[in-house]
Each structure stands twice: as structure tokens, then as C-alpha cells.
Amino acid sequence: MSSVVILVLGAHDDLEPALLVEGAETVAVPAPKELAAHRDRFSDTTAVIAVTDGIDPDDAPDWAAALAELPVPVLEFRAGPWDGEGAAAVAAVGRGLVAGFGREALRRVVPLFGRRAR
């Protein structure tokens, strides 16, 4: 098991190469209710990075509630920009938000968050 799990939340046709980061396990989770099926992945995990670019904004509260139940720290990651004022329900239940740096930024966030979460 990896110490960091990247959860790609919402609708995604495939996992883009930028979401597959060395040192992390990447898992696609299409709906909040399906997160519970992955709980066993978190037994040896120190942190979760939740990629939220694919979620419907109306579903953000459901995602936040599901992620709040995880036994590990959660960081919201958005490849696209965030205006700093819109809803960030996932970030509110986690350790914050990284936004606007593109998917390639995951390569920098994974080792940083993995160390800091311990």
C-alpha cells in the first residue's frame, strides 16, 4: 500500500497519466456512495488527495460528508483555478486546497503531503 492515495472523484473517462504519480496509489471513485467500498485501502495510508475537478458542484456536500468519514487527512486538489470565494466543501472537511497549478502539480504535492500528514 502507498502512504498517499489519490482519489479521482466524479466522472472521468480514464485516468490521465498526470494523475498516476509515483509514490501514490490512484483510485477512481465515480460517486460518493462508492467511497465506502475503498475503506480497506486506507489502513496503511497517511493521507488522501482528493482530485475534485470531475465532481458536480451540487454533489460537493455529499463528497465532503463521505470524505469526512475517512480515518486519514484529506487534501482537496483542483487542477483548474479556484476564485477563493466559491464553495470548497471538500477542502472544508480536510486540510485545505491546492488549486490552479494543473495536474502536473500532483507530482509535487504527493511527496509533500505524504511527509506532512504523518
PDB file of N, CA and C in Angstrom:
ATOM      1  N   MET A   1       0.836  -1.191   0.000  1.00  0.00           N
ATOM      2  CA  MET A   1       0.000   0.000   0.000  1.00  0.00           C
ATOM      3  C   MET A   1       0.881   1.254   0.000  1.00  0.00           C
ATOM      4  N   SER A   2       0.365   2.276  -0.598  1.00  0.00           N
ATOM      5  CA  SER A   2       1.064   3.546  -0.655  1.00  0.00           C
ATOM      6  C   SER A   2       0.697   4.365   0.574  1.00  0.00           C
ATOM      7  N   SER A   3       1.587   5.278   0.964  1.00  0.00           N
ATOM      8  CA  SER A   3       1.251   6.135   2.093  1.00  0.00           C
ATOM      9  C   SER A   3       0.300   7.252   1.680  1.00  0.00           C
ATOM     10  N   VAL A   4       0.213   7.526   0.378  1.00  0.00           N
ATOM     11  CA  VAL A   4      -0.717   8.533  -0.140  1.00  0.00           C
ATOM     12  C   VAL A   4      -1.618   7.874  -1.174  1.00  0.00           C
ATOM     13  N   VAL A   5      -2.922   8.123  -1.051  1.00  0.00           N
ATOM     14  CA  VAL A   5      -3.887   7.647  -2.037  1.00  0.00           C
ATOM     15  C   VAL A   5      -4.481   8.867  -2.718  1.00  0.00           C
ATOM     16  N   ILE A   6      -4.454   8.856  -4.044  1.00  0.00           N
ATOM     17  CA  ILE A   6      -5.099   9.913  -4.834  1.00  0.00           C
ATOM     18  C   ILE A   6      -6.466   9.385  -5.228  1.00  0.00           C
ATOM     19  N   LEU A   7      -7.513  10.061  -4.782  1.00  0.00           N
ATOM     20  CA  LEU A   7      -8.873   9.694  -5.154  1.00  0.00           C
ATOM     21  C   LEU A   7      -9.321  10.638  -6.260  1.00  0.00           C
ATOM     22  N   VAL A   8      -9.608  10.107  -7.421  1.00  0.00           N
ATOM     23  CA  VAL A   8     -10.105  10.898  -8.539  1.00  0.00           C
ATOM     24  C   VAL A   8     -11.620  10.810  -8.471  1.00  0.00           C
ATOM     25  N   LEU A   9     -12.238  11.891  -8.021  1.00  0.00           N
ATOM     26  CA  LEU A   9     -13.661  11.885  -7.716  1.00  0.00           C
ATOM     27  C   LEU A   9     -14.503  12.319  -8.906  1.00  0.00           C
ATOM     28  N   GLY A  10     -15.660  11.690  -9.051  1.00  0.00           N
ATOM     29  CA  GLY A  10     -16.613  12.098 -10.074  1.00  0.00           C
ATOM     30  C   GLY A  10     -16.384  11.423 -11.408  1.00  0.00           C
ATOM     31  N   ALA A  11     -16.960  12.031 -12.420  1.00  0.00           N
ATOM     32  CA  ALA A  11     -16.953  11.462 -13.770  1.00  0.00           C
ATOM     33  C   ALA A  11     -15.617  11.672 -14.461  1.00  0.00           C
ATOM     34  N   HIS A  12     -14.982  10.569 -14.839  1.00  0.00           N
ATOM     35  CA  HIS A  12     -13.739  10.586 -15.606  1.00  0.00           C
ATOM     36  C   HIS A  12     -13.781   9.410 -16.570  1.00  0.00           C
ATOM     37  N   ASP A  13     -13.485   9.672 -17.839  1.00  0.00           N
ATOM     38  CA  ASP A  13     -13.478   8.587 -18.820  1.00  0.00           C
ATOM     39  C   ASP A  13     -12.303   7.649 -18.590  1.00  0.00           C
ATOM     40  N   ASP A  14     -11.181   8.195 -18.195  1.00  0.00           N
ATOM     41  CA  ASP A  14     -10.000   7.383 -17.916  1.00  0.00           C
ATOM     42  C   ASP A  14      -9.095   8.156 -16.970  1.00  0.00           C
ATOM     43  N   LEU A  15      -8.119   7.486 -16.446  1.00  0.00           N
ATOM     44  CA  LEU A  15      -7.174   8.155 -15.559  1.00  0.00           C
ATOM     45  C   LEU A  15      -6.038   8.711 -16.404  1.00  0.00           C
ATOM     46  N   GLU A  16      -5.975  10.008 -16.489  1.00  0.00           N
ATOM     47  CA  GLU A  16      -4.927  10.646 -17.267  1.00  0.00           C
ATOM     48  C   GLU A  16      -3.566  10.338 -16.657  1.00  0.00           C
ATOM     49  N   PRO A  17      -2.525  10.258 -17.489  1.00  0.00           N
ATOM     50  CA  PRO A  17      -1.185   9.962 -16.959  1.00  0.00           C
ATOM     51  C   PRO A  17      -0.748  10.915 -15.846  1.00  0.00           C
ATOM     52  N   ALA A  18      -1.168  12.162 -15.894  1.00  0.00           N
ATOM     53  CA  ALA A  18      -0.777  13.124 -14.857  1.00  0.00           C
ATOM     54  C   ALA A  18      -1.343  12.752 -13.493  1.00  0.00           C
ATOM     55  N   LEU A  19      -2.390  11.931 -13.465  1.00  0.00           N
ATOM     56  CA  LEU A  19      -2.991  11.525 -12.194  1.00  0.00           C
ATOM     57  C   LEU A  19      -2.337  10.279 -11.615  1.00  0.00           C
ATOM     58  N   LEU A  20      -1.451   9.670 -12.381  1.00  0.00           N
ATOM     59  CA  LEU A  20      -0.726   8.485 -11.920  1.00  0.00           C
ATOM     60  C   LEU A  20       0.653   8.938 -11.456  1.00  0.00           C
ATOM     61  N   VAL A  21       0.837   9.029 -10.166  1.00  0.00           N
ATOM     62  CA  VAL A  21       2.044   9.614  -9.592  1.00  0.00           C
ATOM     63  C   VAL A  21       2.822   8.558  -8.819  1.00  0.00           C
ATOM     64  N   GLU A  22       4.114   8.496  -9.066  1.00  0.00           N
ATOM     65  CA  GLU A  22       4.963   7.571  -8.330  1.00  0.00           C
ATOM     66  C   GLU A  22       4.874   7.875  -6.835  1.00  0.00           C
ATOM     67  N   GLY A  23       4.738   6.846  -6.051  1.00  0.00           N
ATOM     68  CA  GLY A  23       4.641   7.022  -4.607  1.00  0.00           C
ATOM     69  C   GLY A  23       3.217   7.137  -4.106  1.00  0.00           C
ATOM     70  N   ALA A  24       2.250   7.037  -5.014  1.00  0.00           N
ATOM     71  CA  ALA A  24       0.844   7.126  -4.616  1.00  0.00           C
ATOM     72  C   ALA A  24       0.033   6.087  -5.376  1.00  0.00           C
ATOM     73  N   GLU A  25      -1.028   5.656  -4.759  1.00  0.00           N
ATOM     74  CA  GLU A  25      -1.985   4.782  -5.429  1.00  0.00           C
ATOM     75  C   GLU A  25      -3.122   5.667  -5.916  1.00  0.00           C
ATOM     76  N   THR A  26      -3.507   5.542  -7.178  1.00  0.00           N
ATOM     77  CA  THR A  26      -4.576   6.358  -7.747  1.00  0.00           C
ATOM     78  C   THR A  26      -5.811   5.494  -7.953  1.00  0.00           C
ATOM     79  N   VAL A  27      -6.955   5.992  -7.445  1.00  0.00           N
ATOM     80  CA  VAL A  27      -8.210   5.246  -7.492  1.00  0.00           C
ATOM     81  C   VAL A  27      -9.321   6.174  -7.985  1.00  0.00           C
ATOM     82  N   ALA A  28     -10.057   5.738  -8.995  1.00  0.00           N
ATOM     83  CA  ALA A  28     -11.210   6.491  -9.475  1.00  0.00           C
ATOM     84  C   ALA A  28     -12.440   6.098  -8.660  1.00  0.00           C
ATOM     85  N   VAL A  29     -13.165   7.109  -8.185  1.00  0.00           N
ATOM     86  CA  VAL A  29     -14.384   6.876  -7.414  1.00  0.00           C
ATOM     87  C   VAL A  29     -15.481   7.748  -8.046  1.00  0.00           C
ATOM     88  N   PRO A  30     -16.396   7.138  -8.810  1.00  0.00           N
ATOM     89  CA  PRO A  30     -17.361   7.925  -9.561  1.00  0.00           C
ATOM     90  C   PRO A  30     -18.482   8.586  -8.745  1.00  0.00           C
ATOM     91  N   ALA A  31     -18.802   8.061  -7.563  1.00  0.00           N
ATOM     92  CA  ALA A  31     -19.907   8.612  -6.776  1.00  0.00           C
ATOM     93  C   ALA A  31     -19.573   8.534  -5.285  1.00  0.00           C
ATOM     94  N   PRO A  32     -20.072   9.489  -4.503  1.00  0.00           N
ATOM     95  CA  PRO A  32     -19.760   9.498  -3.061  1.00  0.00           C
ATOM     96  C   PRO A  32     -20.103   8.193  -2.350  1.00  0.00           C
ATOM     97  N   LYS A  33     -21.222   7.585  -2.716  1.00  0.00           N
ATOM     98  CA  LYS A  33     -21.642   6.343  -2.039  1.00  0.00           C
ATOM     99  C   LYS A  33     -20.681   5.186  -2.306  1.00  0.00           C
ATOM    100  N   GLU A  34     -19.848   5.302  -3.345  1.00  0.00           N
ATOM    101  CA  GLU A  34     -18.904   4.239  -3.678  1.00  0.00           C
ATOM    102  C   GLU A  34     -17.586   4.349  -2.909  1.00  0.00           C
ATOM    103  N   LEU A  35     -17.391   5.425  -2.200  1.00  0.00           N
ATOM    104  CA  LEU A  35     -16.154   5.611  -1.443  1.00  0.00           C
ATOM    105  C   LEU A  35     -16.000   4.570  -0.341  1.00  0.00           C
ATOM    106  N   ALA A  36     -17.092   4.191   0.272  1.00  0.00           N
ATOM    107  CA  ALA A  36     -17.045   3.212   1.363  1.00  0.00           C
ATOM    108  C   ALA A  36     -16.451   1.879   0.910  1.00  0.00           C
ATOM    109  N   ALA A  37     -16.610   1.526  -0.346  1.00  0.00           N
ATOM    110  CA  ALA A  37     -16.073   0.268  -0.863  1.00  0.00           C
ATOM    111  C   ALA A  37     -14.544   0.258  -0.877  1.00  0.00           C
ATOM    112  N   HIS A  38     -13.933   1.413  -0.727  1.00  0.00           N
ATOM    113  CA  HIS A  38     -12.468   1.530  -0.785  1.00  0.00           C
ATOM    114  C   HIS A  38     -11.833   1.718   0.596  1.00  0.00           C
ATOM    115  N   ARG A  39     -12.609   1.600   1.651  1.00  0.00           N
ATOM    116  CA  ARG A  39     -12.089   1.866   3.003  1.00  0.00           C
ATOM    117  C   ARG A  39     -10.862   1.028   3.360  1.00  0.00           C
ATOM    118  N   ASP A  40     -10.791  -0.194   2.866  1.00  0.00           N
ATOM    119  CA  ASP A  40      -9.652  -1.050   3.208  1.00  0.00           C
ATOM    120  C   ASP A  40      -8.336  -0.497   2.654  1.00  0.00           C
ATOM    121  N   ARG A  41      -8.388   0.352   1.654  1.00  0.00           N
ATOM    122  CA  ARG A  41      -7.173   0.966   1.084  1.00  0.00           C
ATOM    123  C   ARG A  41      -6.511   1.931   2.065  1.00  0.00           C
ATOM    124  N   PHE A  42      -7.242   2.378   3.063  1.00  0.00           N
ATOM    125  CA  PHE A  42      -6.732   3.424   3.943  1.00  0.00           C
ATOM    126  C   PHE A  42      -6.072   2.909   5.215  1.00  0.00           C
ATOM    127  N   SER A  43      -5.976   1.597   5.375  1.00  0.00           N
ATOM    128  CA  SER A  43      -5.393   1.063   6.601  1.00  0.00           C
ATOM    129  C   SER A  43      -3.920   1.440   6.761  1.00  0.00           C
ATOM    130  N   ASP A  44      -3.172   1.499   5.675  1.00  0.00           N
ATOM    131  CA  ASP A  44      -1.757   1.877   5.730  1.00  0.00           C
ATOM    132  C   ASP A  44      -1.491   3.223   5.062  1.00  0.00           C
ATOM    133  N   THR A  45      -2.509   4.030   4.941  1.00  0.00           N
ATOM    134  CA  THR A  45      -2.407   5.309   4.245  1.00  0.00           C
ATOM    135  C   THR A  45      -2.234   6.440   5.247  1.00  0.00           C
ATOM    136  N   THR A  46      -1.332   7.357   4.942  1.00  0.00           N
ATOM    137  CA  THR A  46      -1.152   8.507   5.823  1.00  0.00           C
ATOM    138  C   THR A  46      -1.929   9.729   5.355  1.00  0.00           C
ATOM    139  N   ALA A  47      -2.324   9.746   4.063  1.00  0.00           N
ATOM    140  CA  ALA A  47      -3.029  10.909   3.537  1.00  0.00           C
ATOM    141  C   ALA A  47      -3.787  10.559   2.269  1.00  0.00           C
ATOM    142  N   VAL A  48      -4.848  11.316   2.021  1.00  0.00           N
ATOM    143  CA  VAL A  48      -5.633  11.196   0.793  1.00  0.00           C
ATOM    144  C   VAL A  48      -5.623  12.543   0.099  1.00  0.00           C
ATOM    145  N   ILE A  49      -5.373  12.510  -1.208  1.00  0.00           N
ATOM    146  CA  ILE A  49      -5.508  13.710  -2.039  1.00  0.00           C
ATOM    147  C   ILE A  49      -6.730  13.481  -2.909  1.00  0.00           C
ATOM    148  N   ALA A  50      -7.745  14.312  -2.742  1.00  0.00           N
ATOM    149  CA  ALA A  50      -9.000  14.171  -3.468  1.00  0.00           C
ATOM    150  C   ALA A  50      -9.009  15.125  -4.659  1.00  0.00           C
ATOM    151  N   VAL A  51      -8.926  14.571  -5.869  1.00  0.00           N
ATOM    152  CA  VAL A  51      -8.964  15.367  -7.094  1.00  0.00           C
ATOM    153  C   VAL A  51     -10.434  15.624  -7.415  1.00  0.00           C
ATOM    154  N   THR A  52     -10.853  16.888  -7.327  1.00  0.00           N
ATOM    155  CA  THR A  52     -12.274  17.219  -7.402  1.00  0.00           C
ATOM    156  C   THR A  52     -12.704  17.893  -8.697  1.00  0.00           C
ATOM    157  N   ASP A  53     -11.835  17.952  -9.690  1.00  0.00           N
ATOM    158  CA  ASP A  53     -12.212  18.600 -10.945  1.00  0.00           C
ATOM    159  C   ASP A  53     -13.414  17.940 -11.616  1.00  0.00           C
ATOM    160  N   GLY A  54     -13.632  16.653 -11.372  1.00  0.00           N
ATOM    161  CA  GLY A  54     -14.702  15.922 -12.055  1.00  0.00           C
ATOM    162  C   GLY A  54     -16.020  15.859 -11.315  1.00  0.00           C
ATOM    163  N   ILE A  55     -16.133  16.507 -10.160  1.00  0.00           N
ATOM    164  CA  ILE A  55     -17.400  16.389  -9.430  1.00  0.00           C
ATOM    165  C   ILE A  55     -18.369  17.494  -9.828  1.00  0.00           C
ATOM    166  N   ASP A  56     -19.635  17.163  -9.761  1.00  0.00           N
ATOM    167  CA  ASP A  56     -20.701  18.133  -9.988  1.00  0.00           C
ATOM    168  C   ASP A  56     -20.775  19.002  -8.727  1.00  0.00           C
ATOM    169  N   PRO A  57     -20.784  20.324  -8.866  1.00  0.00           N
ATOM    170  CA  PRO A  57     -20.836  21.187  -7.673  1.00  0.00           C
ATOM    171  C   PRO A  57     -22.011  20.873  -6.741  1.00  0.00           C
ATOM    172  N   ASP A  58     -23.115  20.415  -7.312  1.00  0.00           N
ATOM    173  CA  ASP A  58     -24.264  20.064  -6.472  1.00  0.00           C
ATOM    174  C   ASP A  58     -23.990  18.844  -5.604  1.00  0.00           C
ATOM    175  N   ASP A  59     -23.022  18.024  -6.006  1.00  0.00           N
ATOM    176  CA  ASP A  59     -22.675  16.823  -5.236  1.00  0.00           C
ATOM    177  C   ASP A  59     -21.570  17.072  -4.209  1.00  0.00           C
ATOM    178  N   ALA A  60     -20.991  18.271  -4.201  1.00  0.00           N
ATOM    179  CA  ALA A  60     -19.867  18.569  -3.300  1.00  0.00           C
ATOM    180  C   ALA A  60     -20.192  18.284  -1.830  1.00  0.00           C
ATOM    181  N   PRO A  61     -21.368  18.648  -1.323  1.00  0.00           N
ATOM    182  CA  PRO A  61     -21.655  18.329   0.085  1.00  0.00           C
ATOM    183  C   PRO A  61     -21.666  16.821   0.366  1.00  0.00           C
ATOM    184  N   ASP A  62     -22.156  16.025  -0.586  1.00  0.00           N
ATOM    185  CA  ASP A  62     -22.159  14.570  -0.403  1.00  0.00           C
ATOM    186  C   ASP A  62     -20.733  14.027  -0.405  1.00  0.00           C
ATOM    187  N   TRP A  63     -19.888  14.556  -1.316  1.00  0.00           N
ATOM    188  CA  TRP A  63     -18.480  14.152  -1.328  1.00  0.00           C
ATOM    189  C   TRP A  63     -17.807  14.542  -0.014  1.00  0.00           C
ATOM    190  N   ALA A  64     -18.076  15.744   0.455  1.00  0.00           N
ATOM    191  CA  ALA A  64     -17.462  16.211   1.702  1.00  0.00           C
ATOM    192  C   ALA A  64     -17.853  15.304   2.867  1.00  0.00           C
ATOM    193  N   ALA A  65     -19.119  14.942   2.940  1.00  0.00           N
ATOM    194  CA  ALA A  65     -19.583  14.071   4.026  1.00  0.00           C
ATOM    195  C   ALA A  65     -18.894  12.707   3.954  1.00  0.00           C
ATOM    196  N   ALA A  66     -18.768  12.158   2.755  1.00  0.00           N
ATOM    197  CA  ALA A  66     -18.119  10.851   2.597  1.00  0.00           C
ATOM    198  C   ALA A  66     -16.640  10.932   2.961  1.00  0.00           C
ATOM    199  N   LEU A  67     -15.966  11.987   2.533  1.00  0.00           N
ATOM    200  CA  LEU A  67     -14.537  12.140   2.824  1.00  0.00           C
ATOM    201  C   LEU A  67     -14.285  12.428   4.307  1.00  0.00           C
ATOM    202  N   ALA A  68     -15.219  13.098   4.957  1.00  0.00           N
ATOM    203  CA  ALA A  68     -15.073  13.399   6.384  1.00  0.00           C
ATOM    204  C   ALA A  68     -15.037  12.120   7.225  1.00  0.00           C
ATOM    205  N   GLU A  69     -15.585  11.047   6.696  1.00  0.00           N
ATOM    206  CA  GLU A  69     -15.604   9.762   7.410  1.00  0.00           C
ATOM    207  C   GLU A  69     -14.290   8.996   7.302  1.00  0.00           C
ATOM    208  N   LEU A  70     -13.388   9.442   6.434  1.00  0.00           N
ATOM    209  CA  LEU A  70     -12.123   8.718   6.266  1.00  0.00           C
ATOM    210  C   LEU A  70     -11.250   8.869   7.507  1.00  0.00           C
ATOM    211  N   PRO A  71     -10.481   7.831   7.827  1.00  0.00           N
ATOM    212  CA  PRO A  71      -9.645   7.860   9.021  1.00  0.00           C
ATOM    213  C   PRO A  71      -8.277   8.527   8.808  1.00  0.00           C
ATOM    214  N   VAL A  72      -8.113   9.233   7.695  1.00  0.00           N
ATOM    215  CA  VAL A  72      -6.836   9.870   7.357  1.00  0.00           C
ATOM    216  C   VAL A  72      -7.080  11.316   6.909  1.00  0.00           C
ATOM    217  N   PRO A  73      -6.045  12.171   6.963  1.00  0.00           N
ATOM    218  CA  PRO A  73      -6.190  13.541   6.487  1.00  0.00           C
ATOM    219  C   PRO A  73      -6.461  13.589   4.982  1.00  0.00           C
ATOM    220  N   VAL A  74      -7.276  14.567   4.575  1.00  0.00           N
ATOM    221  CA  VAL A  74      -7.660  14.734   3.178  1.00  0.00           C
ATOM    222  C   VAL A  74      -7.252  16.131   2.703  1.00  0.00           C
ATOM    223  N   LEU A  75      -6.705  16.201   1.508  1.00  0.00           N
ATOM    224  CA  LEU A  75      -6.381  17.467   0.861  1.00  0.00           C
ATOM    225  C   LEU A  75      -7.160  17.527  -0.441  1.00  0.00           C
ATOM    226  N   GLU A  76      -7.875  18.622  -0.674  1.00  0.00           N
ATOM    227  CA  GLU A  76      -8.557  18.792  -1.955  1.00  0.00           C
ATOM    228  C   GLU A  76      -7.564  19.313  -2.978  1.00  0.00           C
ATOM    229  N   PHE A  77      -7.614  18.747  -4.176  1.00  0.00           N
ATOM    230  CA  PHE A  77      -6.737  19.160  -5.271  1.00  0.00           C
ATOM    231  C   PHE A  77      -7.591  19.458  -6.489  1.00  0.00           C
ATOM    232  N   ARG A  78      -7.430  20.665  -7.028  1.00  0.00           N
ATOM    233  CA  ARG A  78      -8.102  21.047  -8.271  1.00  0.00           C
ATOM    234  C   ARG A  78      -7.038  21.485  -9.257  1.00  0.00           C
ATOM    235  N   ALA A  79      -7.024  20.860 -10.416  1.00  0.00           N
ATOM    236  CA  ALA A  79      -6.061  21.253 -11.439  1.00  0.00           C
ATOM    237  C   ALA A  79      -6.384  22.650 -11.959  1.00  0.00           C
ATOM    238  N   GLY A  80      -7.661  22.927 -12.064  1.00  0.00           N
ATOM    239  CA  GLY A  80      -8.100  24.229 -12.561  1.00  0.00           C
ATOM    240  C   GLY A  80      -8.084  25.281 -11.468  1.00  0.00           C
ATOM    241  N   PRO A  81      -8.297  26.533 -11.863  1.00  0.00           N
ATOM    242  CA  PRO A  81      -8.267  27.627 -10.887  1.00  0.00           C
ATOM    243  C   PRO A  81      -9.479  27.623  -9.953  1.00  0.00           C
ATOM    244  N   TRP A  82      -9.307  28.260  -8.821  1.00  0.00           N
ATOM    245  CA  TRP A  82     -10.384  28.474  -7.856  1.00  0.00           C
ATOM    246  C   TRP A  82     -10.364  29.951  -7.517  1.00  0.00           C
ATOM    247  N   ASP A  83     -11.526  30.579  -7.455  1.00  0.00           N
ATOM    248  CA  ASP A  83     -11.592  32.011  -7.217  1.00  0.00           C
ATOM    249  C   ASP A  83     -11.409  32.400  -5.753  1.00  0.00           C
ATOM    250  N   GLY A  84     -11.309  31.441  -4.884  1.00  0.00           N
ATOM    251  CA  GLY A  84     -11.126  31.734  -3.467  1.00  0.00           C
ATOM    252  C   GLY A  84     -12.402  32.110  -2.755  1.00  0.00           C
ATOM    253  N   GLU A  85     -13.484  32.194  -3.493  1.00  0.00           N
ATOM    254  CA  GLU A  85     -14.758  32.579  -2.895  1.00  0.00           C
ATOM    255  C   GLU A  85     -15.843  31.530  -3.066  1.00  0.00           C
ATOM    256  N   GLY A  86     -15.741  30.745  -4.117  1.00  0.00           N
ATOM    257  CA  GLY A  86     -16.749  29.716  -4.367  1.00  0.00           C
ATOM    258  C   GLY A  86     -16.670  28.605  -3.341  1.00  0.00           C
ATOM    259  N   ALA A  87     -17.666  27.747  -3.379  1.00  0.00           N
ATOM    260  CA  ALA A  87     -17.730  26.638  -2.432  1.00  0.00           C
ATOM    261  C   ALA A  87     -16.521  25.722  -2.553  1.00  0.00           C
ATOM    262  N   ALA A  88     -16.010  25.312  -1.437  1.00  0.00           N
ATOM    263  CA  ALA A  88     -14.921  24.337  -1.366  1.00  0.00           C
ATOM    264  C   ALA A  88     -15.261  23.361  -0.243  1.00  0.00           C
ATOM    265  N   ALA A  89     -16.386  22.672  -0.425  1.00  0.00           N
ATOM    266  CA  ALA A  89     -16.900  21.793   0.624  1.00  0.00           C
ATOM    267  C   ALA A  89     -15.911  20.704   0.997  1.00  0.00           C
ATOM    268  N   VAL A  90     -15.195  20.180   0.032  1.00  0.00           N
ATOM    269  CA  VAL A  90     -14.234  19.122   0.318  1.00  0.00           C
ATOM    270  C   VAL A  90     -13.070  19.676   1.129  1.00  0.00           C
ATOM    271  N   ALA A  91     -12.569  20.830   0.754  1.00  0.00           N
ATOM    272  CA  ALA A  91     -11.467  21.445   1.496  1.00  0.00           C
ATOM    273  C   ALA A  91     -11.876  21.748   2.931  1.00  0.00           C
ATOM    274  N   ALA A  92     -13.131  22.070   3.138  1.00  0.00           N
ATOM    275  CA  ALA A  92     -13.610  22.417   4.474  1.00  0.00           C
ATOM    276  C   ALA A  92     -13.534  21.250   5.447  1.00  0.00           C
ATOM    277  N   VAL A  93     -13.604  20.022   4.954  1.00  0.00           N
ATOM    278  CA  VAL A  93     -13.518  18.862   5.843  1.00  0.00           C
ATOM    279  C   VAL A  93     -12.110  18.280   5.866  1.00  0.00           C
ATOM    280  N   GLY A  94     -11.215  18.882   5.133  1.00  0.00           N
ATOM    281  CA  GLY A  94      -9.862  18.361   5.042  1.00  0.00           C
ATOM    282  C   GLY A  94      -8.822  19.330   5.555  1.00  0.00           C
ATOM    283  N   ARG A  95      -7.638  19.199   5.002  1.00  0.00           N
ATOM    284  CA  ARG A  95      -6.504  20.028   5.407  1.00  0.00           C
ATOM    285  C   ARG A  95      -6.273  21.205   4.480  1.00  0.00           C
ATOM    286  N   GLY A  96      -7.190  21.444   3.537  1.00  0.00           N
ATOM    287  CA  GLY A  96      -7.045  22.585   2.666  1.00  0.00           C
ATOM    288  C   GLY A  96      -7.217  22.246   1.203  1.00  0.00           C
ATOM    289  N   LEU A  97      -6.751  23.177   0.369  1.00  0.00           N
ATOM    290  CA  LEU A  97      -6.991  23.111  -1.062  1.00  0.00           C
ATOM    291  C   LEU A  97      -5.755  23.562  -1.821  1.00  0.00           C
ATOM    292  N   VAL A  98      -5.378  22.804  -2.836  1.00  0.00           N
ATOM    293  CA  VAL A  98      -4.358  23.204  -3.792  1.00  0.00           C
ATOM    294  C   VAL A  98      -5.095  23.338  -5.109  1.00  0.00           C
ATOM    295  N   ALA A  99      -5.042  24.520  -5.723  1.00  0.00           N
ATOM    296  CA  ALA A  99      -5.805  24.739  -6.951  1.00  0.00           C
ATOM    297  C   ALA A  99      -5.055  25.622  -7.930  1.00  0.00           C
ATOM    298  N   GLY A 100      -5.305  25.351  -9.214  1.00  0.00           N
ATOM    299  CA  GLY A 100      -4.839  26.227 -10.267  1.00  0.00           C
ATOM    300  C   GLY A 100      -3.458  25.957 -10.827  1.00  0.00           C
ATOM    301  N   PHE A 101      -2.797  24.894 -10.403  1.00  0.00           N
ATOM    302  CA  PHE A 101      -1.434  24.626 -10.856  1.00  0.00           C
ATOM    303  C   PHE A 101      -1.363  23.525 -11.901  1.00  0.00           C
ATOM    304  N   GLY A 102      -2.508  22.989 -12.317  1.00  0.00           N
ATOM    305  CA  GLY A 102      -2.529  21.921 -13.299  1.00  0.00           C
ATOM    306  C   GLY A 102      -2.292  20.565 -12.670  1.00  0.00           C
ATOM    307  N   ARG A 103      -2.611  19.543 -13.416  1.00  0.00           N
ATOM    308  CA  ARG A 103      -2.490  18.174 -12.899  1.00  0.00           C
ATOM    309  C   ARG A 103      -1.055  17.764 -12.668  1.00  0.00           C
ATOM    310  N   GLU A 104      -0.131  18.361 -13.379  1.00  0.00           N
ATOM    311  CA  GLU A 104       1.280  18.037 -13.178  1.00  0.00           C
ATOM    312  C   GLU A 104       1.735  18.385 -11.757  1.00  0.00           C
ATOM    313  N   ALA A 105       1.041  19.300 -11.109  1.00  0.00           N
ATOM    314  CA  ALA A 105       1.403  19.696  -9.745  1.00  0.00           C
ATOM    315  C   ALA A 105       1.254  18.557  -8.748  1.00  0.00           C
ATOM    316  N   LEU A 106       0.482  17.533  -9.087  1.00  0.00           N
ATOM    317  CA  LEU A 106       0.350  16.385  -8.183  1.00  0.00           C
ATOM    318  C   LEU A 106       1.702  15.756  -7.877  1.00  0.00           C
ATOM    319  N   ARG A 107       2.599  15.783  -8.839  1.00  0.00           N
ATOM    320  CA  ARG A 107       3.935  15.206  -8.610  1.00  0.00           C
ATOM    321  C   ARG A 107       4.669  15.912  -7.473  1.00  0.00           C
ATOM    322  N   ARG A 108       4.354  17.153  -7.247  1.00  0.00           N
ATOM    323  CA  ARG A 108       4.989  17.897  -6.143  1.00  0.00           C
ATOM    324  C   ARG A 108       4.203  17.768  -4.849  1.00  0.00           C
ATOM    325  N   VAL A 109       2.900  17.665  -4.965  1.00  0.00           N
ATOM    326  CA  VAL A 109       2.045  17.607  -3.778  1.00  0.00           C
ATOM    327  C   VAL A 109       2.139  16.254  -3.079  1.00  0.00           C
ATOM    328  N   VAL A 110       2.220  15.171  -3.835  1.00  0.00           N
ATOM    329  CA  VAL A 110       2.224  13.829  -3.232  1.00  0.00           C
ATOM    330  C   VAL A 110       3.339  13.668  -2.201  1.00  0.00           C
ATOM    331  N   PRO A 111       4.604  13.919  -2.554  1.00  0.00           N
ATOM    332  CA  PRO A 111       5.638  13.714  -1.527  1.00  0.00           C
ATOM    333  C   PRO A 111       5.535  14.706  -0.371  1.00  0.00           C
ATOM    334  N   LEU A 112       5.127  15.912  -0.654  1.00  0.00           N
ATOM    335  CA  LEU A 112       4.986  16.919   0.397  1.00  0.00           C
ATOM    336  C   LEU A 112       3.896  16.546   1.372  1.00  0.00           C
ATOM    337  N   PHE A 113       2.746  16.193   0.873  1.00  0.00           N
ATOM    338  CA  PHE A 113       1.614  15.862   1.738  1.00  0.00           C
ATOM    339  C   PHE A 113       1.845  14.542   2.449  1.00  0.00           C
ATOM    340  N   GLY A 114       2.506  13.613   1.790  1.00  0.00           N
ATOM    341  CA  GLY A 114       2.812  12.339   2.425  1.00  0.00           C
ATOM    342  C   GLY A 114       3.675  12.505   3.651  1.00  0.00           C
ATOM    343  N   ARG A 115       4.651  13.404   3.572  1.00  0.00           N
ATOM    344  CA  ARG A 115       5.533  13.664   4.721  1.00  0.00           C
ATOM    345  C   ARG A 115       4.818  14.437   5.809  1.00  0.00           C
ATOM    346  N   ARG A 116       4.080  15.441   5.443  1.00  0.00           N
ATOM    347  CA  ARG A 116       3.444  16.322   6.427  1.00  0.00           C
ATOM    348  C   ARG A 116       2.292  15.665   7.160  1.00  0.00           C
ATOM    349  N   ALA A 117       1.660  14.684   6.549  1.00  0.00           N
ATOM    350  CA  ALA A 117       0.482  14.072   7.158  1.00  0.00           C
ATOM    351  C   ALA A 117       0.823  13.166   8.327  1.00  0.00           C
ATOM    352  N   ARG A 118       2.044  12.724   8.409  1.00  0.00           N
ATOM    353  CA  ARG A 118       2.442  11.760   9.450  1.00  0.00           C
ATOM    354  C   ARG A 118       2.453  12.345  10.826  1.00  0.00           C
TER     355      ARG A 118
END
